[in-house]
């Protein structure tokens, strides 16, 4: 699967939920990248932390767009298999502009823990 990731808040700090989602998908053999409007995706995850952040209204070429995070629903949680996932360090590097998110391995290093707020992985 080709997975697109969107940090709706767009800040220059890593989004832990998106890094865990990227790591989980890479372990499944999927390709993850920051979503671009002109690329086609099998699934896109949009994560928003703050309720005051305007939603991303871009028309993406994707049949399955999933919104998650406290900015959409204060009670949203990642599924356990993703929540306990180690973060994908390449996602953190990409957020800081150091490296392309599609490079490197998944689930190396980083934080672990349950109960992380973020996107809904399951349909």
PDB file of N, CA and C in Angstrom:
ATOM      1  N   UNK A   1       0.831  -1.182   0.000  1.00  0.00           N
ATOM      2  CA  UNK A   1       0.000   0.000   0.000  1.00  0.00           C
ATOM      3  C   UNK A   1       0.876   1.245   0.000  1.00  0.00           C
ATOM      4  N   UNK A   2       0.355   2.286  -0.593  1.00  0.00           N
ATOM      5  CA  UNK A   2       1.029   3.588  -0.560  1.00  0.00           C
ATOM      6  C   UNK A   2       0.252   4.472   0.422  1.00  0.00           C
ATOM      7  N   UNK A   3       0.950   4.896   1.470  1.00  0.00           N
ATOM      8  CA  UNK A   3       0.340   5.626   2.575  1.00  0.00           C
ATOM      9  C   UNK A   3       0.828   7.070   2.577  1.00  0.00           C
ATOM     10  N   UNK A   4      -0.106   8.012   2.651  1.00  0.00           N
ATOM     11  CA  UNK A   4       0.223   9.426   2.775  1.00  0.00           C
ATOM     12  C   UNK A   4      -0.039   9.910   4.190  1.00  0.00           C
ATOM     13  N   UNK A   5       0.837  10.754   4.704  1.00  0.00           N
ATOM     14  CA  UNK A   5       0.720  11.294   6.057  1.00  0.00           C
ATOM     15  C   UNK A   5       0.579  12.810   5.988  1.00  0.00           C
ATOM     16  N   UNK A   6      -0.317  13.351   6.805  1.00  0.00           N
ATOM     17  CA  UNK A   6      -0.517  14.798   6.847  1.00  0.00           C
ATOM     18  C   UNK A   6      -0.540  15.256   8.293  1.00  0.00           C
ATOM     19  N   UNK A   7       0.380  16.149   8.657  1.00  0.00           N
ATOM     20  CA  UNK A   7       0.377  16.804   9.959  1.00  0.00           C
ATOM     21  C   UNK A   7      -0.387  18.108   9.764  1.00  0.00           C
ATOM     22  N   UNK A   8      -1.668  18.101  10.071  1.00  0.00           N
ATOM     23  CA  UNK A   8      -2.535  19.244   9.792  1.00  0.00           C
ATOM     24  C   UNK A   8      -2.054  20.495  10.519  1.00  0.00           C
ATOM     25  N   UNK A   9      -1.541  20.328  11.728  1.00  0.00           N
ATOM     26  CA  UNK A   9      -1.044  21.483  12.483  1.00  0.00           C
ATOM     27  C   UNK A   9       0.156  22.125  11.807  1.00  0.00           C
ATOM     28  N   UNK A  10       0.920  21.337  11.059  1.00  0.00           N
ATOM     29  CA  UNK A  10       2.011  21.852  10.251  1.00  0.00           C
ATOM     30  C   UNK A  10       3.140  22.504  11.014  1.00  0.00           C
ATOM     31  N   UNK A  11       3.322  22.158  12.272  1.00  0.00           N
ATOM     32  CA  UNK A  11       4.397  22.747  13.058  1.00  0.00           C
ATOM     33  C   UNK A  11       5.711  22.027  12.776  1.00  0.00           C
ATOM     34  N   UNK A  12       6.777  22.609  13.195  1.00  0.00           N
ATOM     35  CA  UNK A  12       8.099  22.031  12.947  1.00  0.00           C
ATOM     36  C   UNK A  12       8.557  21.138  14.090  1.00  0.00           C
ATOM     37  N   UNK A  13       7.643  20.338  14.612  1.00  0.00           N
ATOM     38  CA  UNK A  13       8.022  19.340  15.597  1.00  0.00           C
ATOM     39  C   UNK A  13       7.378  18.027  15.204  1.00  0.00           C
ATOM     40  N   UNK A  14       8.003  16.904  15.552  1.00  0.00           N
ATOM     41  CA  UNK A  14       7.500  15.598  15.127  1.00  0.00           C
ATOM     42  C   UNK A  14       6.124  15.287  15.710  1.00  0.00           C
ATOM     43  N   UNK A  15       5.283  14.653  14.924  1.00  0.00           N
ATOM     44  CA  UNK A  15       3.970  14.201  15.354  1.00  0.00           C
ATOM     45  C   UNK A  15       4.108  12.726  15.718  1.00  0.00           C
ATOM     46  N   UNK A  16       4.055  12.431  17.020  1.00  0.00           N
ATOM     47  CA  UNK A  16       4.309  11.080  17.513  1.00  0.00           C
ATOM     48  C   UNK A  16       3.347  10.057  16.904  1.00  0.00           C
ATOM     49  N   UNK A  17       2.078  10.398  16.808  1.00  0.00           N
ATOM     50  CA  UNK A  17       1.109   9.453  16.243  1.00  0.00           C
ATOM     51  C   UNK A  17       1.446   9.113  14.792  1.00  0.00           C
ATOM     52  N   UNK A  18       1.774  10.128  13.984  1.00  0.00           N
ATOM     53  CA  UNK A  18       2.124   9.865  12.585  1.00  0.00           C
ATOM     54  C   UNK A  18       3.402   9.042  12.472  1.00  0.00           C
ATOM     55  N   UNK A  19       4.367   9.265  13.368  1.00  0.00           N
ATOM     56  CA  UNK A  19       5.597   8.465  13.336  1.00  0.00           C
ATOM     57  C   UNK A  19       5.313   7.013  13.667  1.00  0.00           C
ATOM     58  N   UNK A  20       4.402   6.771  14.610  1.00  0.00           N
ATOM     59  CA  UNK A  20       4.042   5.391  14.952  1.00  0.00           C
ATOM     60  C   UNK A  20       3.266   4.735  13.817  1.00  0.00           C
ATOM     61  N   UNK A  21       2.358   5.483  13.196  1.00  0.00           N
ATOM     62  CA  UNK A  21       1.605   4.956  12.058  1.00  0.00           C
ATOM     63  C   UNK A  21       2.562   4.612  10.914  1.00  0.00           C
ATOM     64  N   UNK A  22       3.529   5.493  10.641  1.00  0.00           N
ATOM     65  CA  UNK A  22       4.514   5.238   9.580  1.00  0.00           C
ATOM     66  C   UNK A  22       5.324   3.986   9.892  1.00  0.00           C
ATOM     67  N   UNK A  23       5.761   3.844  11.129  1.00  0.00           N
ATOM     68  CA  UNK A  23       6.536   2.665  11.523  1.00  0.00           C
ATOM     69  C   UNK A  23       5.736   1.384  11.383  1.00  0.00           C
ATOM     70  N   UNK A  24       4.474   1.420  11.809  1.00  0.00           N
ATOM     71  CA  UNK A  24       3.620   0.235  11.704  1.00  0.00           C
ATOM     72  C   UNK A  24       3.415  -0.153  10.241  1.00  0.00           C
ATOM     73  N   UNK A  25       3.125   0.825   9.405  1.00  0.00           N
ATOM     74  CA  UNK A  25       2.894   0.522   7.992  1.00  0.00           C
ATOM     75  C   UNK A  25       4.165   0.013   7.312  1.00  0.00           C
ATOM     76  N   UNK A  26       5.311   0.564   7.651  1.00  0.00           N
ATOM     77  CA  UNK A  26       6.559   0.074   7.059  1.00  0.00           C
ATOM     78  C   UNK A  26       6.814  -1.375   7.457  1.00  0.00           C
ATOM     79  N   UNK A  27       6.467  -1.731   8.694  1.00  0.00           N
ATOM     80  CA  UNK A  27       6.622  -3.134   9.109  1.00  0.00           C
ATOM     81  C   UNK A  27       5.680  -4.052   8.327  1.00  0.00           C
ATOM     82  N   UNK A  28       4.591  -3.519   7.828  1.00  0.00           N
ATOM     83  CA  UNK A  28       3.663  -4.303   7.007  1.00  0.00           C
ATOM     84  C   UNK A  28       4.113  -4.347   5.550  1.00  0.00           C
ATOM     85  N   UNK A  29       5.213  -3.666   5.226  1.00  0.00           N
ATOM     86  CA  UNK A  29       5.720  -3.646   3.859  1.00  0.00           C
ATOM     87  C   UNK A  29       5.168  -2.514   3.012  1.00  0.00           C
ATOM     88  N   UNK A  30       4.476  -1.567   3.643  1.00  0.00           N
ATOM     89  CA  UNK A  30       3.885  -0.444   2.919  1.00  0.00           C
ATOM     90  C   UNK A  30       4.886   0.696   2.769  1.00  0.00           C
ATOM     91  N   UNK A  31       4.639   1.560   1.791  1.00  0.00           N
ATOM     92  CA  UNK A  31       5.462   2.748   1.587  1.00  0.00           C
ATOM     93  C   UNK A  31       4.752   3.944   2.212  1.00  0.00           C
ATOM     94  N   UNK A  32       5.457   4.738   2.987  1.00  0.00           N
ATOM     95  CA  UNK A  32       4.861   5.928   3.602  1.00  0.00           C
ATOM     96  C   UNK A  32       5.618   7.172   3.152  1.00  0.00           C
ATOM     97  N   UNK A  33       4.876   8.273   3.039  1.00  0.00           N
ATOM     98  CA  UNK A  33       5.486   9.552   2.699  1.00  0.00           C
ATOM     99  C   UNK A  33       4.546  10.662   3.121  1.00  0.00           C
ATOM    100  N   UNK A  34       5.066  11.890   3.219  1.00  0.00           N
ATOM    101  CA  UNK A  34       4.204  13.045   3.436  1.00  0.00           C
ATOM    102  C   UNK A  34       3.332  13.181   2.197  1.00  0.00           C
ATOM    103  N   UNK A  35       2.052  13.386   2.391  1.00  0.00           N
ATOM    104  CA  UNK A  35       1.095  13.409   1.285  1.00  0.00           C
ATOM    105  C   UNK A  35       1.232  14.671   0.439  1.00  0.00           C
ATOM    106  N   UNK A  36       1.161  14.490  -0.854  1.00  0.00           N
ATOM    107  CA  UNK A  36       1.157  15.577  -1.829  1.00  0.00           C
ATOM    108  C   UNK A  36      -0.117  15.464  -2.655  1.00  0.00           C
ATOM    109  N   UNK A  37      -0.723  16.584  -2.976  1.00  0.00           N
ATOM    110  CA  UNK A  37      -2.018  16.596  -3.651  1.00  0.00           C
ATOM    111  C   UNK A  37      -2.003  15.877  -5.002  1.00  0.00           C
ATOM    112  N   UNK A  38      -0.879  15.868  -5.692  1.00  0.00           N
ATOM    113  CA  UNK A  38      -0.840  15.292  -7.033  1.00  0.00           C
ATOM    114  C   UNK A  38      -0.443  13.827  -7.058  1.00  0.00           C
ATOM    115  N   UNK A  39      -0.128  13.252  -5.912  1.00  0.00           N
ATOM    116  CA  UNK A  39       0.200  11.830  -5.830  1.00  0.00           C
ATOM    117  C   UNK A  39      -1.049  11.033  -5.478  1.00  0.00           C
ATOM    118  N   UNK A  40      -1.081   9.772  -5.901  1.00  0.00           N
ATOM    119  CA  UNK A  40      -2.188   8.884  -5.558  1.00  0.00           C
ATOM    120  C   UNK A  40      -1.776   8.021  -4.369  1.00  0.00           C
ATOM    121  N   UNK A  41      -2.746   7.777  -3.471  1.00  0.00           N
ATOM    122  CA  UNK A  41      -2.495   6.987  -2.264  1.00  0.00           C
ATOM    123  C   UNK A  41      -3.612   5.971  -2.073  1.00  0.00           C
ATOM    124  N   UNK A  42      -3.265   4.869  -1.410  1.00  0.00           N
ATOM    125  CA  UNK A  42      -4.268   3.889  -1.010  1.00  0.00           C
ATOM    126  C   UNK A  42      -4.983   4.354   0.263  1.00  0.00           C
ATOM    127  N   UNK A  43      -4.228   5.044   1.120  1.00  0.00           N
ATOM    128  CA  UNK A  43      -4.791   5.557   2.367  1.00  0.00           C
ATOM    129  C   UNK A  43      -3.987   6.781   2.795  1.00  0.00           C
ATOM    130  N   UNK A  44      -4.694   7.747   3.379  1.00  0.00           N
ATOM    131  CA  UNK A  44      -4.056   8.937   3.942  1.00  0.00           C
ATOM    132  C   UNK A  44      -4.500   9.074   5.391  1.00  0.00           C
ATOM    133  N   UNK A  45      -3.538   9.398   6.261  1.00  0.00           N
ATOM    134  CA  UNK A  45      -3.823   9.703   7.659  1.00  0.00           C
ATOM    135  C   UNK A  45      -3.583  11.186   7.887  1.00  0.00           C
ATOM    136  N   UNK A  46      -4.605  11.871   8.382  1.00  0.00           N
ATOM    137  CA  UNK A  46      -4.484  13.277   8.760  1.00  0.00           C
ATOM    138  C   UNK A  46      -4.522  13.341  10.285  1.00  0.00           C
ATOM    139  N   UNK A  47      -3.501  13.959  10.881  1.00  0.00           N
ATOM    140  CA  UNK A  47      -3.443  14.081  12.329  1.00  0.00           C
ATOM    141  C   UNK A  47      -3.470  15.551  12.710  1.00  0.00           C
ATOM    142  N   UNK A  48      -4.311  15.862  13.701  1.00  0.00           N
ATOM    143  CA  UNK A  48      -4.449  17.241  14.164  1.00  0.00           C
ATOM    144  C   UNK A  48      -4.507  17.229  15.685  1.00  0.00           C
ATOM    145  N   UNK A  49      -3.645  18.008  16.322  1.00  0.00           N
ATOM    146  CA  UNK A  49      -3.578  18.064  17.774  1.00  0.00           C
ATOM    147  C   UNK A  49      -4.496  19.155  18.326  1.00  0.00           C
ATOM    148  N   UNK A  50      -4.542  20.290  17.670  1.00  0.00           N
ATOM    149  CA  UNK A  50      -5.253  21.452  18.199  1.00  0.00           C
ATOM    150  C   UNK A  50      -6.595  21.667  17.498  1.00  0.00           C
ATOM    151  N   UNK A  51      -7.636  21.944  18.275  1.00  0.00           N
ATOM    152  CA  UNK A  51      -8.963  22.163  17.697  1.00  0.00           C
ATOM    153  C   UNK A  51      -9.036  23.465  16.915  1.00  0.00           C
ATOM    154  N   UNK A  52      -8.194  24.437  17.246  1.00  0.00           N
ATOM    155  CA  UNK A  52      -8.243  25.729  16.555  1.00  0.00           C
ATOM    156  C   UNK A  52      -7.514  25.727  15.213  1.00  0.00           C
ATOM    157  N   UNK A  53      -6.782  24.662  14.904  1.00  0.00           N
ATOM    158  CA  UNK A  53      -6.091  24.576  13.624  1.00  0.00           C
ATOM    159  C   UNK A  53      -7.102  24.283  12.519  1.00  0.00           C
ATOM    160  N   UNK A  54      -7.127  25.093  11.454  1.00  0.00           N
ATOM    161  CA  UNK A  54      -8.050  24.802  10.341  1.00  0.00           C
ATOM    162  C   UNK A  54      -7.704  23.458   9.695  1.00  0.00           C
ATOM    163  N   UNK A  55      -8.732  22.739   9.267  1.00  0.00           N
ATOM    164  CA  UNK A  55      -8.508  21.447   8.631  1.00  0.00           C
ATOM    165  C   UNK A  55      -7.867  21.640   7.258  1.00  0.00           C
ATOM    166  N   UNK A  56      -7.142  20.637   6.815  1.00  0.00           N
ATOM    167  CA  UNK A  56      -6.544  20.630   5.483  1.00  0.00           C
ATOM    168  C   UNK A  56      -7.645  20.234   4.503  1.00  0.00           C
ATOM    169  N   UNK A  57      -8.032  21.141   3.640  1.00  0.00           N
ATOM    170  CA  UNK A  57      -9.131  20.904   2.694  1.00  0.00           C
ATOM    171  C   UNK A  57      -8.636  20.541   1.295  1.00  0.00           C
ATOM    172  N   UNK A  58      -7.378  20.168   1.172  1.00  0.00           N
ATOM    173  CA  UNK A  58      -6.809  19.783  -0.111  1.00  0.00           C
ATOM    174  C   UNK A  58      -7.549  18.571  -0.669  1.00  0.00           C
ATOM    175  N   UNK A  59      -7.781  18.556  -1.962  1.00  0.00           N
ATOM    176  CA  UNK A  59      -8.429  17.420  -2.629  1.00  0.00           C
ATOM    177  C   UNK A  59      -7.354  16.394  -2.991  1.00  0.00           C
ATOM    178  N   UNK A  60      -7.176  15.399  -2.128  1.00  0.00           N
ATOM    179  CA  UNK A  60      -6.183  14.357  -2.360  1.00  0.00           C
ATOM    180  C   UNK A  60      -6.773  13.231  -3.195  1.00  0.00           C
ATOM    181  N   UNK A  61      -5.914  12.560  -3.962  1.00  0.00           N
ATOM    182  CA  UNK A  61      -6.323  11.430  -4.783  1.00  0.00           C
ATOM    183  C   UNK A  61      -6.203  10.156  -3.945  1.00  0.00           C
ATOM    184  N   UNK A  62      -7.249   9.920  -3.144  1.00  0.00           N
ATOM    185  CA  UNK A  62      -7.214   8.792  -2.223  1.00  0.00           C
ATOM    186  C   UNK A  62      -8.640   8.401  -1.844  1.00  0.00           C
ATOM    187  N   UNK A  63      -8.958   7.103  -1.920  1.00  0.00           N
ATOM    188  CA  UNK A  63     -10.305   6.663  -1.557  1.00  0.00           C
ATOM    189  C   UNK A  63     -10.519   6.514  -0.048  1.00  0.00           C
ATOM    190  N   UNK A  64      -9.439   6.556   0.745  1.00  0.00           N
ATOM    191  CA  UNK A  64      -9.530   6.257   2.181  1.00  0.00           C
ATOM    192  C   UNK A  64      -8.718   7.289   2.967  1.00  0.00           C
ATOM    193  N   UNK A  65      -9.381   8.359   3.427  1.00  0.00           N
ATOM    194  CA  UNK A  65      -8.714   9.401   4.221  1.00  0.00           C
ATOM    195  C   UNK A  65      -9.238   9.317   5.640  1.00  0.00           C
ATOM    196  N   UNK A  66      -8.316   9.152   6.598  1.00  0.00           N
ATOM    197  CA  UNK A  66      -8.695   8.967   7.995  1.00  0.00           C
ATOM    198  C   UNK A  66      -8.181  10.137   8.828  1.00  0.00           C
ATOM    199  N   UNK A  67      -9.101  10.773   9.540  1.00  0.00           N
ATOM    200  CA  UNK A  67      -8.761  11.879  10.424  1.00  0.00           C
ATOM    201  C   UNK A  67      -8.596  11.354  11.839  1.00  0.00           C
ATOM    202  N   UNK A  68      -7.582  11.848  12.552  1.00  0.00           N
ATOM    203  CA  UNK A  68      -7.390  11.429  13.930  1.00  0.00           C
ATOM    204  C   UNK A  68      -6.627  12.468  14.722  1.00  0.00           C
ATOM    205  N   UNK A  69      -6.675  12.296  16.012  1.00  0.00           N
ATOM    206  CA  UNK A  69      -5.977  13.203  16.912  1.00  0.00           C
ATOM    207  C   UNK A  69      -6.952  14.032  17.726  1.00  0.00           C
ATOM    208  N   UNK A  70      -6.441  14.629  18.770  1.00  0.00           N
ATOM    209  CA  UNK A  70      -7.275  15.393  19.689  1.00  0.00           C
ATOM    210  C   UNK A  70      -7.916  16.604  19.031  1.00  0.00           C
ATOM    211  N   UNK A  71      -7.361  17.097  17.938  1.00  0.00           N
ATOM    212  CA  UNK A  71      -7.951  18.218  17.224  1.00  0.00           C
ATOM    213  C   UNK A  71      -9.234  17.850  16.497  1.00  0.00           C
ATOM    214  N   UNK A  72      -9.413  16.570  16.240  1.00  0.00           N
ATOM    215  CA  UNK A  72     -10.649  16.073  15.626  1.00  0.00           C
ATOM    216  C   UNK A  72     -11.583  15.479  16.681  1.00  0.00           C
ATOM    217  N   UNK A  73     -11.004  14.677  17.582  1.00  0.00           N
ATOM    218  CA  UNK A  73     -11.803  13.987  18.597  1.00  0.00           C
ATOM    219  C   UNK A  73     -10.916  13.762  19.814  1.00  0.00           C
ATOM    220  N   UNK A  74     -11.250  14.411  20.920  1.00  0.00           N
ATOM    221  CA  UNK A  74     -10.425  14.347  22.134  1.00  0.00           C
ATOM    222  C   UNK A  74     -10.267  12.916  22.642  1.00  0.00           C
ATOM    223  N   UNK A  75     -11.197  12.025  22.308  1.00  0.00           N
ATOM    224  CA  UNK A  75     -11.149  10.639  22.787  1.00  0.00           C
ATOM    225  C   UNK A  75     -10.453   9.693  21.820  1.00  0.00           C
ATOM    226  N   UNK A  76      -9.991  10.184  20.683  1.00  0.00           N
ATOM    227  CA  UNK A  76      -9.399   9.276  19.698  1.00  0.00           C
ATOM    228  C   UNK A  76      -8.089   8.691  20.212  1.00  0.00           C
ATOM    229  N   UNK A  77      -7.869   7.449  19.904  1.00  0.00           N
ATOM    230  CA  UNK A  77      -6.669   6.713  20.309  1.00  0.00           C
ATOM    231  C   UNK A  77      -6.206   5.853  19.141  1.00  0.00           C
ATOM    232  N   UNK A  78      -4.915   5.612  19.105  1.00  0.00           N
ATOM    233  CA  UNK A  78      -4.372   4.656  18.144  1.00  0.00           C
ATOM    234  C   UNK A  78      -4.714   3.248  18.610  1.00  0.00           C
ATOM    235  N   UNK A  79      -4.902   2.314  17.695  1.00  0.00           N
ATOM    236  CA  UNK A  79      -5.075   0.913  18.098  1.00  0.00           C
ATOM    237  C   UNK A  79      -3.831   0.442  18.856  1.00  0.00           C
ATOM    238  N   UNK A  80      -4.004  -0.525  19.749  1.00  0.00           N
ATOM    239  CA  UNK A  80      -2.891  -0.989  20.585  1.00  0.00           C
ATOM    240  C   UNK A  80      -1.664  -1.395  19.778  1.00  0.00           C
ATOM    241  N   UNK A  81      -1.878  -2.121  18.664  1.00  0.00           N
ATOM    242  CA  UNK A  81      -0.719  -2.600  17.890  1.00  0.00           C
ATOM    243  C   UNK A  81       0.090  -1.447  17.302  1.00  0.00           C
ATOM    244  N   UNK A  82      -0.514  -0.293  17.140  1.00  0.00           N
ATOM    245  CA  UNK A  82       0.197   0.881  16.638  1.00  0.00           C
ATOM    246  C   UNK A  82       0.698   1.737  17.795  1.00  0.00           C
ATOM    247  N   UNK A  83      -0.106   1.847  18.838  1.00  0.00           N
ATOM    248  CA  UNK A  83       0.252   2.670  19.985  1.00  0.00           C
ATOM    249  C   UNK A  83       1.542   2.193  20.638  1.00  0.00           C
ATOM    250  N   UNK A  84       1.746   0.888  20.671  1.00  0.00           N
ATOM    251  CA  UNK A  84       2.961   0.334  21.282  1.00  0.00           C
ATOM    252  C   UNK A  84       4.118   0.247  20.297  1.00  0.00           C
ATOM    253  N   UNK A  85       3.882   0.652  19.080  1.00  0.00           N
ATOM    254  CA  UNK A  85       4.902   0.652  18.029  1.00  0.00           C
ATOM    255  C   UNK A  85       6.001   1.660  18.361  1.00  0.00           C
ATOM    256  N   UNK A  86       7.243   1.276  18.131  1.00  0.00           N
ATOM    257  CA  UNK A  86       8.324   2.258  18.229  1.00  0.00           C
ATOM    258  C   UNK A  86       8.133   3.267  17.107  1.00  0.00           C
ATOM    259  N   UNK A  87       8.528   4.491  17.373  1.00  0.00           N
ATOM    260  CA  UNK A  87       8.370   5.518  16.346  1.00  0.00           C
ATOM    261  C   UNK A  87       9.317   5.255  15.181  1.00  0.00           C
ATOM    262  N   UNK A  88       8.940   5.729  14.014  1.00  0.00           N
ATOM    263  CA  UNK A  88       9.789   5.650  12.835  1.00  0.00           C
ATOM    264  C   UNK A  88      10.687   6.886  12.842  1.00  0.00           C
ATOM    265  N   UNK A  89      11.987   6.730  13.110  1.00  0.00           N
ATOM    266  CA  UNK A  89      12.867   7.900  13.205  1.00  0.00           C
ATOM    267  C   UNK A  89      12.995   8.663  11.894  1.00  0.00           C
ATOM    268  N   UNK A  90      12.725   8.007  10.774  1.00  0.00           N
ATOM    269  CA  UNK A  90      12.811   8.728   9.505  1.00  0.00           C
ATOM    270  C   UNK A  90      11.670   9.729   9.381  1.00  0.00           C
ATOM    271  N   UNK A  91      10.540   9.454  10.042  1.00  0.00           N
ATOM    272  CA  UNK A  91       9.437  10.414  10.037  1.00  0.00           C
ATOM    273  C   UNK A  91       9.816  11.651  10.840  1.00  0.00           C
ATOM    274  N   UNK A  92      10.512  11.462  11.959  1.00  0.00           N
ATOM    275  CA  UNK A  92      10.960  12.603  12.762  1.00  0.00           C
ATOM    276  C   UNK A  92      11.979  13.427  11.990  1.00  0.00           C
ATOM    277  N   UNK A  93      12.875  12.753  11.297  1.00  0.00           N
ATOM    278  CA  UNK A  93      13.885  13.467  10.508  1.00  0.00           C
ATOM    279  C   UNK A  93      13.239  14.254   9.384  1.00  0.00           C
ATOM    280  N   UNK A  94      12.228  13.670   8.754  1.00  0.00           N
ATOM    281  CA  UNK A  94      11.539  14.366   7.669  1.00  0.00           C
ATOM    282  C   UNK A  94      10.816  15.601   8.189  1.00  0.00           C
ATOM    283  N   UNK A  95      10.256  15.508   9.394  1.00  0.00           N
ATOM    284  CA  UNK A  95       9.548  16.652   9.974  1.00  0.00           C
ATOM    285  C   UNK A  95      10.501  17.806  10.232  1.00  0.00           C
ATOM    286  N   UNK A  96      11.759  17.480  10.520  1.00  0.00           N
ATOM    287  CA  UNK A  96      12.737  18.537  10.775  1.00  0.00           C
ATOM    288  C   UNK A  96      13.481  18.939   9.503  1.00  0.00           C
ATOM    289  N   UNK A  97      13.158  18.287   8.374  1.00  0.00           N
ATOM    290  CA  UNK A  97      13.780  18.618   7.105  1.00  0.00           C
ATOM    291  C   UNK A  97      15.123  17.954   6.879  1.00  0.00           C
ATOM    292  N   UNK A  98      15.472  16.980   7.722  1.00  0.00           N
ATOM    293  CA  UNK A  98      16.777  16.338   7.616  1.00  0.00           C
ATOM    294  C   UNK A  98      16.832  15.219   6.587  1.00  0.00           C
ATOM    295  N   UNK A  99      15.704  14.550   6.340  1.00  0.00           N
ATOM    296  CA  UNK A  99      15.746  13.331   5.543  1.00  0.00           C
ATOM    297  C   UNK A  99      14.371  13.050   4.947  1.00  0.00           C
ATOM    298  N   UNK A 100      14.333  12.353   3.826  1.00  0.00           N
ATOM    299  CA  UNK A 100      13.089  11.943   3.195  1.00  0.00           C
ATOM    300  C   UNK A 100      12.445  10.841   4.035  1.00  0.00           C
ATOM    301  N   UNK A 101      11.139  10.917   4.252  1.00  0.00           N
ATOM    302  CA  UNK A 101      10.442   9.947   5.093  1.00  0.00           C
ATOM    303  C   UNK A 101      10.466   8.546   4.508  1.00  0.00           C
ATOM    304  N   UNK A 102      10.663   8.403   3.208  1.00  0.00           N
ATOM    305  CA  UNK A 102      10.635   7.077   2.600  1.00  0.00           C
ATOM    306  C   UNK A 102      11.958   6.345   2.748  1.00  0.00           C
ATOM    307  N   UNK A 103      12.975   6.997   3.264  1.00  0.00           N
ATOM    308  CA  UNK A 103      14.280   6.363   3.449  1.00  0.00           C
ATOM    309  C   UNK A 103      14.376   5.741   4.837  1.00  0.00           C
ATOM    310  N   UNK A 104      15.209   4.717   4.986  1.00  0.00           N
ATOM    311  CA  UNK A 104      15.501   4.159   6.295  1.00  0.00           C
ATOM    312  C   UNK A 104      14.522   3.081   6.712  1.00  0.00           C
ATOM    313  N   UNK A 105      14.782   2.518   7.902  1.00  0.00           N
ATOM    314  CA  UNK A 105      13.977   1.420   8.403  1.00  0.00           C
ATOM    315  C   UNK A 105      12.868   1.896   9.307  1.00  0.00           C
ATOM    316  N   UNK A 106      12.010   0.969   9.658  1.00  0.00           N
ATOM    317  CA  UNK A 106      10.874   1.297  10.513  1.00  0.00           C
ATOM    318  C   UNK A 106      11.092   0.768  11.916  1.00  0.00           C
ATOM    319  N   UNK A 107      10.529   1.492  12.871  1.00  0.00           N
ATOM    320  CA  UNK A 107      10.461   1.001  14.232  1.00  0.00           C
ATOM    321  C   UNK A 107      11.785   0.941  14.956  1.00  0.00           C
ATOM    322  N   UNK A 108      12.734   1.747  14.599  1.00  0.00           N
ATOM    323  CA  UNK A 108      14.016   1.745  15.274  1.00  0.00           C
ATOM    324  C   UNK A 108      14.052   2.889  16.271  1.00  0.00           C
ATOM    325  N   UNK A 109      14.569   2.614  17.446  1.00  0.00           N
ATOM    326  CA  UNK A 109      14.723   3.670  18.438  1.00  0.00           C
ATOM    327  C   UNK A 109      13.413   4.304  18.817  1.00  0.00           C
ATOM    328  N   UNK A 110      13.499   5.427  19.501  1.00  0.00           N
ATOM    329  CA  UNK A 110      12.319   6.233  19.778  1.00  0.00           C
ATOM    330  C   UNK A 110      11.523   5.796  20.984  1.00  0.00           C
ATOM    331  N   UNK A 111      10.431   6.486  21.184  1.00  0.00           N
ATOM    332  CA  UNK A 111       9.577   6.291  22.344  1.00  0.00           C
ATOM    333  C   UNK A 111       8.630   5.128  22.137  1.00  0.00           C
ATOM    334  N   UNK A 112       8.227   4.551  23.260  1.00  0.00           N
ATOM    335  CA  UNK A 112       7.201   3.535  23.248  1.00  0.00           C
ATOM    336  C   UNK A 112       6.186   3.914  24.297  1.00  0.00           C
ATOM    337  N   UNK A 113       4.989   3.410  24.147  1.00  0.00           N
ATOM    338  CA  UNK A 113       4.001   3.644  25.190  1.00  0.00           C
ATOM    339  C   UNK A 113       2.612   3.546  24.649  1.00  0.00           C
ATOM    340  N   UNK A 114       1.698   3.206  25.515  1.00  0.00           N
ATOM    341  CA  UNK A 114       0.311   3.070  25.119  1.00  0.00           C
ATOM    342  C   UNK A 114      -0.460   4.347  25.361  1.00  0.00           C
ATOM    343  N   UNK A 115      -1.660   4.392  24.823  1.00  0.00           N
ATOM    344  CA  UNK A 115      -2.561   5.493  25.083  1.00  0.00           C
ATOM    345  C   UNK A 115      -2.238   6.769  24.342  1.00  0.00           C
ATOM    346  N   UNK A 116      -1.384   6.706  23.351  1.00  0.00           N
ATOM    347  CA  UNK A 116      -1.044   7.901  22.595  1.00  0.00           C
ATOM    348  C   UNK A 116      -2.230   8.354  21.785  1.00  0.00           C
ATOM    349  N   UNK A 117      -2.551   9.642  21.870  1.00  0.00           N
ATOM    350  CA  UNK A 117      -3.632  10.129  21.032  1.00  0.00           C
ATOM    351  C   UNK A 117      -3.135  10.254  19.616  1.00  0.00           C
ATOM    352  N   UNK A 118      -4.008  10.060  18.683  1.00  0.00           N
ATOM    353  CA  UNK A 118      -3.600  10.155  17.290  1.00  0.00           C
ATOM    354  C   UNK A 118      -4.718   9.752  16.373  1.00  0.00           C
ATOM    355  N   UNK A 119      -4.362   9.249  15.211  1.00  0.00           N
ATOM    356  CA  UNK A 119      -5.347   8.912  14.194  1.00  0.00           C
ATOM    357  C   UNK A 119      -5.993   7.575  14.417  1.00  0.00           C
ATOM    358  N   UNK A 120      -7.108   7.385  13.798  1.00  0.00           N
ATOM    359  CA  UNK A 120      -7.790   6.110  13.815  1.00  0.00           C
ATOM    360  C   UNK A 120      -7.209   5.244  12.709  1.00  0.00           C
ATOM    361  N   UNK A 121      -6.613   4.129  13.059  1.00  0.00           N
ATOM    362  CA  UNK A 121      -5.999   3.254  12.074  1.00  0.00           C
ATOM    363  C   UNK A 121      -7.021   2.296  11.482  1.00  0.00           C
ATOM    364  N   UNK A 122      -7.902   1.820  12.311  1.00  0.00           N
ATOM    365  CA  UNK A 122      -8.870   0.828  11.839  1.00  0.00           C
ATOM    366  C   UNK A 122     -10.053   1.513  11.181  1.00  0.00           C
ATOM    367  N   UNK A 123     -10.596   0.890  10.146  1.00  0.00           N
ATOM    368  CA  UNK A 123     -11.732   1.456   9.426  1.00  0.00           C
ATOM    369  C   UNK A 123     -12.975   1.103  10.047  1.00  0.00           C
TER     370      UNK A 123
END
